[in-house]
Amino acid sequence: TIGSDAHVPAGVGRNYDRARELARAFDLTI
């Protein structure tokens, strides 16, 4: 799963693209 662990509104979705790349790099399904 991908979670931004946002404690403030500006943090929602932060670095989501990097997380997707990380999952893709190791053939992990989100």
PDB file of all heavy atoms in Angstrom:
ATOM      1  N   THR A   1       0.876  -1.159   0.000  1.00  0.00           N
ATOM      2  CA  THR A   1       0.000   0.000   0.000  1.00  0.00           C
ATOM      3  C   THR A   1       0.916   1.212   0.000  1.00  0.00           C
ATOM      4  O   THR A   1       2.107   1.105   0.307  1.00  0.00           O
ATOM      5  CB  THR A   1      -0.912   0.052   1.246  1.00  0.00           C
ATOM      6  OG1 THR A   1      -0.095   0.090   2.409  1.00  0.00           O
ATOM      7  CG2 THR A   1      -1.846  -1.135   1.296  1.00  0.00           C
ATOM      8  N   ILE A   2       0.372   2.346  -0.366  1.00  0.00           N
ATOM      9  CA  ILE A   2       1.138   3.591  -0.321  1.00  0.00           C
ATOM     10  C   ILE A   2       0.418   4.532   0.623  1.00  0.00           C
ATOM     11  O   ILE A   2      -0.793   4.730   0.517  1.00  0.00           O
ATOM     12  CB  ILE A   2       1.268   4.235  -1.718  1.00  0.00           C
ATOM     13  CG1 ILE A   2       2.070   3.312  -2.647  1.00  0.00           C
ATOM     14  CG2 ILE A   2       1.939   5.606  -1.612  1.00  0.00           C
ATOM     15  CD1 ILE A   2       2.203   3.824  -4.073  1.00  0.00           C
ATOM     16  N   GLY A   3       1.169   5.081   1.561  1.00  0.00           N
ATOM     17  CA  GLY A   3       0.602   6.030   2.508  1.00  0.00           C
ATOM     18  C   GLY A   3       1.511   7.226   2.663  1.00  0.00           C
ATOM     19  O   GLY A   3       2.728   7.088   2.758  1.00  0.00           O
ATOM     20  N   SER A   4       0.916   8.413   2.661  1.00  0.00           N
ATOM     21  CA  SER A   4       1.724   9.631   2.777  1.00  0.00           C
ATOM     22  C   SER A   4       1.957  10.031   4.226  1.00  0.00           C
ATOM     23  O   SER A   4       2.758  10.921   4.489  1.00  0.00           O
ATOM     24  CB  SER A   4       1.092  10.788   2.009  1.00  0.00           C
ATOM     25  OG  SER A   4      -0.224  11.019   2.434  1.00  0.00           O
ATOM     26  N   ASP A   5       1.282   9.379   5.167  1.00  0.00           N
ATOM     27  CA  ASP A   5       1.499   9.671   6.590  1.00  0.00           C
ATOM     28  C   ASP A   5       1.427  11.171   6.833  1.00  0.00           C
ATOM     29  O   ASP A   5       2.215  11.745   7.577  1.00  0.00           O
ATOM     30  CB  ASP A   5       2.853   9.119   7.025  1.00  0.00           C
ATOM     31  CG  ASP A   5       2.930   8.852   8.520  1.00  0.00           C
ATOM     32  OD1 ASP A   5       1.924   9.081   9.223  1.00  0.00           O
ATOM     33  OD2 ASP A   5       3.991   8.428   8.983  1.00  0.00           O
ATOM     34  N   ALA A   6       0.474  11.801   6.170  1.00  0.00           N
ATOM     35  CA  ALA A   6       0.340  13.259   6.230  1.00  0.00           C
ATOM     36  C   ALA A   6      -0.273  13.688   7.557  1.00  0.00           C
ATOM     37  O   ALA A   6      -1.339  13.233   7.925  1.00  0.00           O
ATOM     38  CB  ALA A   6      -0.531  13.749   5.083  1.00  0.00           C
ATOM     39  N   HIS A   7       0.427  14.547   8.239  1.00  0.00           N
ATOM     40  CA  HIS A   7      -0.105  15.102   9.477  1.00  0.00           C
ATOM     41  C   HIS A   7      -0.606  16.527   9.251  1.00  0.00           C
ATOM     42  O   HIS A   7      -1.134  17.147  10.160  1.00  0.00           O
ATOM     43  CB  HIS A   7       0.963  15.071  10.572  1.00  0.00           C
ATOM     44  CG  HIS A   7       1.259  13.683  11.054  1.00  0.00           C
ATOM     45  ND1 HIS A   7       1.441  13.384  12.373  1.00  0.00           N
ATOM     46  CD2 HIS A   7       1.381  12.505  10.390  1.00  0.00           C
ATOM     47  CE1 HIS A   7       1.685  12.091  12.507  1.00  0.00           C
ATOM     48  NE2 HIS A   7       1.652  11.538  11.313  1.00  0.00           N
ATOM     49  N   VAL A   8      -0.397  17.005   8.024  1.00  0.00           N
ATOM     50  CA  VAL A   8      -0.894  18.315   7.605  1.00  0.00           C
ATOM     51  C   VAL A   8      -1.444  18.170   6.188  1.00  0.00           C
ATOM     52  O   VAL A   8      -0.997  17.307   5.428  1.00  0.00           O
ATOM     53  CB  VAL A   8       0.221  19.403   7.639  1.00  0.00           C
ATOM     54  CG1 VAL A   8       0.709  19.622   9.072  1.00  0.00           C
ATOM     55  CG2 VAL A   8       1.379  19.040   6.737  1.00  0.00           C
ATOM     56  N   PRO A   9      -2.412  18.990   5.799  1.00  0.00           N
ATOM     57  CA  PRO A   9      -3.020  18.853   4.466  1.00  0.00           C
ATOM     58  C   PRO A   9      -2.003  18.878   3.318  1.00  0.00           C
ATOM     59  O   PRO A   9      -2.156  18.138   2.351  1.00  0.00           O
ATOM     60  CB  PRO A   9      -3.976  20.043   4.385  1.00  0.00           C
ATOM     61  CG  PRO A   9      -4.335  20.339   5.811  1.00  0.00           C
ATOM     62  CD  PRO A   9      -3.094  20.031   6.603  1.00  0.00           C
ATOM     63  N   ALA A  10      -0.959  19.693   3.433  1.00  0.00           N
ATOM     64  CA  ALA A  10       0.027  19.790   2.356  1.00  0.00           C
ATOM     65  C   ALA A  10       0.793  18.485   2.143  1.00  0.00           C
ATOM     66  O   ALA A  10       1.383  18.268   1.083  1.00  0.00           O
ATOM     67  CB  ALA A  10       1.012  20.926   2.648  1.00  0.00           C
ATOM     68  N   GLY A  11       0.770  17.600   3.130  1.00  0.00           N
ATOM     69  CA  GLY A  11       1.503  16.344   3.020  1.00  0.00           C
ATOM     70  C   GLY A  11       0.748  15.226   2.325  1.00  0.00           C
ATOM     71  O   GLY A  11       1.337  14.207   1.964  1.00  0.00           O
ATOM     72  N   VAL A  12      -0.539  15.414   2.086  1.00  0.00           N
ATOM     73  CA  VAL A  12      -1.344  14.372   1.444  1.00  0.00           C
ATOM     74  C   VAL A  12      -0.838  14.136   0.023  1.00  0.00           C
ATOM     75  O   VAL A  12      -0.745  15.058  -0.785  1.00  0.00           O
ATOM     76  CB  VAL A  12      -2.848  14.745   1.442  1.00  0.00           C
ATOM     77  CG1 VAL A  12      -3.656  13.710   0.673  1.00  0.00           C
ATOM     78  CG2 VAL A  12      -3.352  14.892   2.866  1.00  0.00           C
ATOM     79  N   GLY A  13      -0.497  12.902  -0.264  1.00  0.00           N
ATOM     80  CA  GLY A  13      -0.028  12.540  -1.603  1.00  0.00           C
ATOM     81  C   GLY A  13       1.425  12.882  -1.895  1.00  0.00           C
ATOM     82  O   GLY A  13       1.910  12.599  -2.992  1.00  0.00           O
ATOM     83  N   ARG A  14       2.124  13.441  -0.932  1.00  0.00           N
ATOM     84  CA  ARG A  14       3.528  13.822  -1.141  1.00  0.00           C
ATOM     85  C   ARG A  14       4.362  12.582  -1.477  1.00  0.00           C
ATOM     86  O   ARG A  14       4.236  11.550  -0.849  1.00  0.00           O
ATOM     87  CB  ARG A  14       4.061  14.486   0.133  1.00  0.00           C
ATOM     88  CG  ARG A  14       5.516  14.872   0.069  1.00  0.00           C
ATOM     89  CD  ARG A  14       6.030  15.507   1.338  1.00  0.00           C
ATOM     90  NE  ARG A  14       5.431  14.888   2.525  1.00  0.00           N
ATOM     91  CZ  ARG A  14       5.196  15.534   3.649  1.00  0.00           C
ATOM     92  NH1 ARG A  14       5.473  16.806   3.771  1.00  0.00           N
ATOM     93  NH2 ARG A  14       4.668  14.902   4.675  1.00  0.00           N
ATOM     94  N   ASN A  15       5.196  12.710  -2.489  1.00  0.00           N
ATOM     95  CA  ASN A  15       6.123  11.660  -2.934  1.00  0.00           C
ATOM     96  C   ASN A  15       5.430  10.396  -3.441  1.00  0.00           C
ATOM     97  O   ASN A  15       6.046   9.329  -3.504  1.00  0.00           O
ATOM     98  CB  ASN A  15       7.120  11.290  -1.825  1.00  0.00           C
ATOM     99  CG  ASN A  15       7.978  12.461  -1.419  1.00  0.00           C
ATOM    100  OD1 ASN A  15       8.423  13.230  -2.257  1.00  0.00           O
ATOM    101  ND2 ASN A  15       8.205  12.609  -0.124  1.00  0.00           N
ATOM    102  N   TYR A  16       4.180  10.517  -3.821  1.00  0.00           N
ATOM    103  CA  TYR A  16       3.437   9.350  -4.304  1.00  0.00           C
ATOM    104  C   TYR A  16       4.106   8.761  -5.546  1.00  0.00           C
ATOM    105  O   TYR A  16       4.216   7.537  -5.680  1.00  0.00           O
ATOM    106  CB  TYR A  16       1.987   9.727  -4.606  1.00  0.00           C
ATOM    107  CG  TYR A  16       1.129   8.551  -4.964  1.00  0.00           C
ATOM    108  CD1 TYR A  16       0.554   7.765  -3.968  1.00  0.00           C
ATOM    109  CD2 TYR A  16       0.892   8.197  -6.290  1.00  0.00           C
ATOM    110  CE1 TYR A  16      -0.228   6.664  -4.282  1.00  0.00           C
ATOM    111  CE2 TYR A  16       0.113   7.101  -6.614  1.00  0.00           C
ATOM    112  CZ  TYR A  16      -0.440   6.336  -5.608  1.00  0.00           C
ATOM    113  OH  TYR A  16      -1.198   5.244  -5.934  1.00  0.00           O
ATOM    114  N   ASP A  17       4.590   9.619  -6.448  1.00  0.00           N
ATOM    115  CA  ASP A  17       5.244   9.127  -7.663  1.00  0.00           C
ATOM    116  C   ASP A  17       6.498   8.317  -7.338  1.00  0.00           C
ATOM    117  O   ASP A  17       6.771   7.303  -7.976  1.00  0.00           O
ATOM    118  CB  ASP A  17       5.590  10.279  -8.606  1.00  0.00           C
ATOM    119  CG  ASP A  17       4.354  10.891  -9.252  1.00  0.00           C
ATOM    120  OD1 ASP A  17       3.288  10.233  -9.231  1.00  0.00           O
ATOM    121  OD2 ASP A  17       4.450  12.017  -9.765  1.00  0.00           O
ATOM    122  N   ARG A  18       7.247   8.763  -6.338  1.00  0.00           N
ATOM    123  CA  ARG A  18       8.450   8.014  -5.931  1.00  0.00           C
ATOM    124  C   ARG A  18       8.065   6.650  -5.372  1.00  0.00           C
ATOM    125  O   ARG A  18       8.760   5.660  -5.589  1.00  0.00           O
ATOM    126  CB  ARG A  18       9.254   8.802  -4.911  1.00  0.00           C
ATOM    127  CG  ARG A  18       9.957   9.975  -5.523  1.00  0.00           C
ATOM    128  CD  ARG A  18      10.832  10.682  -4.543  1.00  0.00           C
ATOM    129  NE  ARG A  18      11.454  11.815  -5.237  1.00  0.00           N
ATOM    130  CZ  ARG A  18      12.142  12.747  -4.636  1.00  0.00           C
ATOM    131  NH1 ARG A  18      12.338  12.689  -3.339  1.00  0.00           N
ATOM    132  NH2 ARG A  18      12.660  13.735  -5.322  1.00  0.00           N
ATOM    133  N   ALA A  19       6.986   6.597  -4.635  1.00  0.00           N
ATOM    134  CA  ALA A  19       6.520   5.320  -4.085  1.00  0.00           C
ATOM    135  C   ALA A  19       6.106   4.379  -5.212  1.00  0.00           C
ATOM    136  O   ALA A  19       6.419   3.179  -5.170  1.00  0.00           O
ATOM    137  CB  ALA A  19       5.367   5.549  -3.121  1.00  0.00           C
ATOM    138  N   ARG A  20       5.410   4.907  -6.197  1.00  0.00           N
ATOM    139  CA  ARG A  20       5.017   4.073  -7.353  1.00  0.00           C
ATOM    140  C   ARG A  20       6.243   3.540  -8.083  1.00  0.00           C
ATOM    141  O   ARG A  20       6.271   2.383  -8.490  1.00  0.00           O
ATOM    142  CB  ARG A  20       4.140   4.868  -8.316  1.00  0.00           C
ATOM    143  CG  ARG A  20       2.730   5.079  -7.806  1.00  0.00           C
ATOM    144  CD  ARG A  20       1.954   5.941  -8.761  1.00  0.00           C
ATOM    145  NE  ARG A  20       2.010   5.319 -10.076  1.00  0.00           N
ATOM    146  CZ  ARG A  20       0.964   5.038 -10.826  1.00  0.00           C
ATOM    147  NH1 ARG A  20      -0.232   5.329 -10.385  1.00  0.00           N
ATOM    148  NH2 ARG A  20       1.090   4.487 -11.992  1.00  0.00           N
ATOM    149  N   GLU A  21       7.253   4.399  -8.243  1.00  0.00           N
ATOM    150  CA  GLU A  21       8.502   3.965  -8.890  1.00  0.00           C
ATOM    151  C   GLU A  21       9.185   2.870  -8.079  1.00  0.00           C
ATOM    152  O   GLU A  21       9.713   1.901  -8.652  1.00  0.00           O
ATOM    153  CB  GLU A  21       9.449   5.148  -9.068  1.00  0.00           C
ATOM    154  CG  GLU A  21       9.008   6.157 -10.105  1.00  0.00           C
ATOM    155  CD  GLU A  21       9.848   7.431 -10.087  1.00  0.00           C
ATOM    156  OE1 GLU A  21      10.977   7.400  -9.557  1.00  0.00           O
ATOM    157  OE2 GLU A  21       9.357   8.450 -10.587  1.00  0.00           O
ATOM    158  N   LEU A  22       9.191   3.015  -6.785  1.00  0.00           N
ATOM    159  CA  LEU A  22       9.798   2.013  -5.909  1.00  0.00           C
ATOM    160  C   LEU A  22       9.063   0.678  -6.035  1.00  0.00           C
ATOM    161  O   LEU A  22       9.693  -0.374  -6.171  1.00  0.00           O
ATOM    162  CB  LEU A  22       9.776   2.519  -4.463  1.00  0.00           C
ATOM    163  CG  LEU A  22      10.573   1.749  -3.422  1.00  0.00           C
ATOM    164  CD1 LEU A  22      12.050   1.694  -3.773  1.00  0.00           C
ATOM    165  CD2 LEU A  22      10.394   2.402  -2.056  1.00  0.00           C
ATOM    166  N   ALA A  23       7.755   0.720  -6.026  1.00  0.00           N
ATOM    167  CA  ALA A  23       6.966  -0.508  -6.194  1.00  0.00           C
ATOM    168  C   ALA A  23       7.245  -1.143  -7.551  1.00  0.00           C
ATOM    169  O   ALA A  23       7.473  -2.357  -7.646  1.00  0.00           O
ATOM    170  CB  ALA A  23       5.476  -0.197  -6.044  1.00  0.00           C
ATOM    171  N   ARG A  24       7.259  -0.332  -8.574  1.00  0.00           N
ATOM    172  CA  ARG A  24       7.502  -0.831  -9.930  1.00  0.00           C
ATOM    173  C   ARG A  24       8.900  -1.438 -10.056  1.00  0.00           C
ATOM    174  O   ARG A  24       9.082  -2.483 -10.687  1.00  0.00           O
ATOM    175  CB  ARG A  24       7.326   0.318 -10.930  1.00  0.00           C
ATOM    176  CG  ARG A  24       7.064  -0.157 -12.345  1.00  0.00           C
ATOM    177  CD  ARG A  24       6.741   0.989 -13.296  1.00  0.00           C
ATOM    178  NE  ARG A  24       5.511   1.689 -12.907  1.00  0.00           N
ATOM    179  CZ  ARG A  24       5.433   3.006 -12.676  1.00  0.00           C
ATOM    180  NH1 ARG A  24       6.491   3.768 -12.814  1.00  0.00           N
ATOM    181  NH2 ARG A  24       4.302   3.552 -12.338  1.00  0.00           N
ATOM    182  N   ALA A  25       9.893  -0.816  -9.426  1.00  0.00           N
ATOM    183  CA  ALA A  25      11.283  -1.287  -9.504  1.00  0.00           C
ATOM    184  C   ALA A  25      11.426  -2.713  -8.977  1.00  0.00           C
ATOM    185  O   ALA A  25      12.276  -3.468  -9.460  1.00  0.00           O
ATOM    186  CB  ALA A  25      12.193  -0.344  -8.725  1.00  0.00           C
ATOM    187  N   PHE A  26      10.589  -3.095  -8.018  1.00  0.00           N
ATOM    188  CA  PHE A  26      10.699  -4.430  -7.429  1.00  0.00           C
ATOM    189  C   PHE A  26       9.496  -5.307  -7.751  1.00  0.00           C
ATOM    190  O   PHE A  26       9.265  -6.311  -7.077  1.00  0.00           O
ATOM    191  CB  PHE A  26      10.934  -4.312  -5.916  1.00  0.00           C
ATOM    192  CG  PHE A  26      12.190  -3.543  -5.615  1.00  0.00           C
ATOM    193  CD1 PHE A  26      12.134  -2.337  -4.946  1.00  0.00           C
ATOM    194  CD2 PHE A  26      13.426  -3.998  -6.055  1.00  0.00           C
ATOM    195  CE1 PHE A  26      13.285  -1.610  -4.696  1.00  0.00           C
ATOM    196  CE2 PHE A  26      14.585  -3.281  -5.813  1.00  0.00           C
ATOM    197  CZ  PHE A  26      14.522  -2.086  -5.135  1.00  0.00           C
ATOM    198  N   ASP A  27       8.753  -4.923  -8.780  1.00  0.00           N
ATOM    199  CA  ASP A  27       7.624  -5.708  -9.261  1.00  0.00           C
ATOM    200  C   ASP A  27       6.611  -5.990  -8.149  1.00  0.00           C
ATOM    201  O   ASP A  27       6.137  -7.113  -7.984  1.00  0.00           O
ATOM    202  CB  ASP A  27       8.125  -7.019  -9.887  1.00  0.00           C
ATOM    203  CG  ASP A  27       7.059  -7.714 -10.712  1.00  0.00           C
ATOM    204  OD1 ASP A  27       6.176  -7.020 -11.255  1.00  0.00           O
ATOM    205  OD2 ASP A  27       7.089  -8.957 -10.789  1.00  0.00           O
ATOM    206  N   LEU A  28       6.298  -4.961  -7.380  1.00  0.00           N
ATOM    207  CA  LEU A  28       5.316  -5.061  -6.307  1.00  0.00           C
ATOM    208  C   LEU A  28       4.017  -4.402  -6.766  1.00  0.00           C
ATOM    209  O   LEU A  28       4.047  -3.336  -7.383  1.00  0.00           O
ATOM    210  CB  LEU A  28       5.843  -4.385  -5.041  1.00  0.00           C
ATOM    211  CG  LEU A  28       7.077  -5.057  -4.429  1.00  0.00           C
ATOM    212  CD1 LEU A  28       7.729  -4.151  -3.393  1.00  0.00           C
ATOM    213  CD2 LEU A  28       6.704  -6.405  -3.830  1.00  0.00           C
ATOM    214  N   THR A  29       2.913  -5.025  -6.483  1.00  0.00           N
ATOM    215  CA  THR A  29       1.608  -4.546  -6.900  1.00  0.00           C
ATOM    216  C   THR A  29       1.011  -3.654  -5.819  1.00  0.00           C
ATOM    217  O   THR A  29       0.922  -4.057  -4.656  1.00  0.00           O
ATOM    218  CB  THR A  29       0.666  -5.737  -7.175  1.00  0.00           C
ATOM    219  OG1 THR A  29       1.271  -6.577  -8.171  1.00  0.00           O
ATOM    220  CG2 THR A  29      -0.696  -5.267  -7.643  1.00  0.00           C
ATOM    221  N   ILE A  30       0.582  -2.468  -6.207  1.00  0.00           N
ATOM    222  CA  ILE A  30      -0.022  -1.513  -5.275  1.00  0.00           C
ATOM    223  C   ILE A  30      -1.492  -1.875  -5.091  1.00  0.00           C
ATOM    224  O   ILE A  30      -2.228  -2.069  -6.063  1.00  0.00           O
ATOM    225  CB  ILE A  30       0.122  -0.068  -5.794  1.00  0.00           C
ATOM    226  CG1 ILE A  30       1.600   0.284  -5.981  1.00  0.00           C
ATOM    227  CG2 ILE A  30      -0.554   0.917  -4.839  1.00  0.00           C
ATOM    228  CD1 ILE A  30       1.840   1.544  -6.789  1.00  0.00           C
TER     229      ILE A  30
END
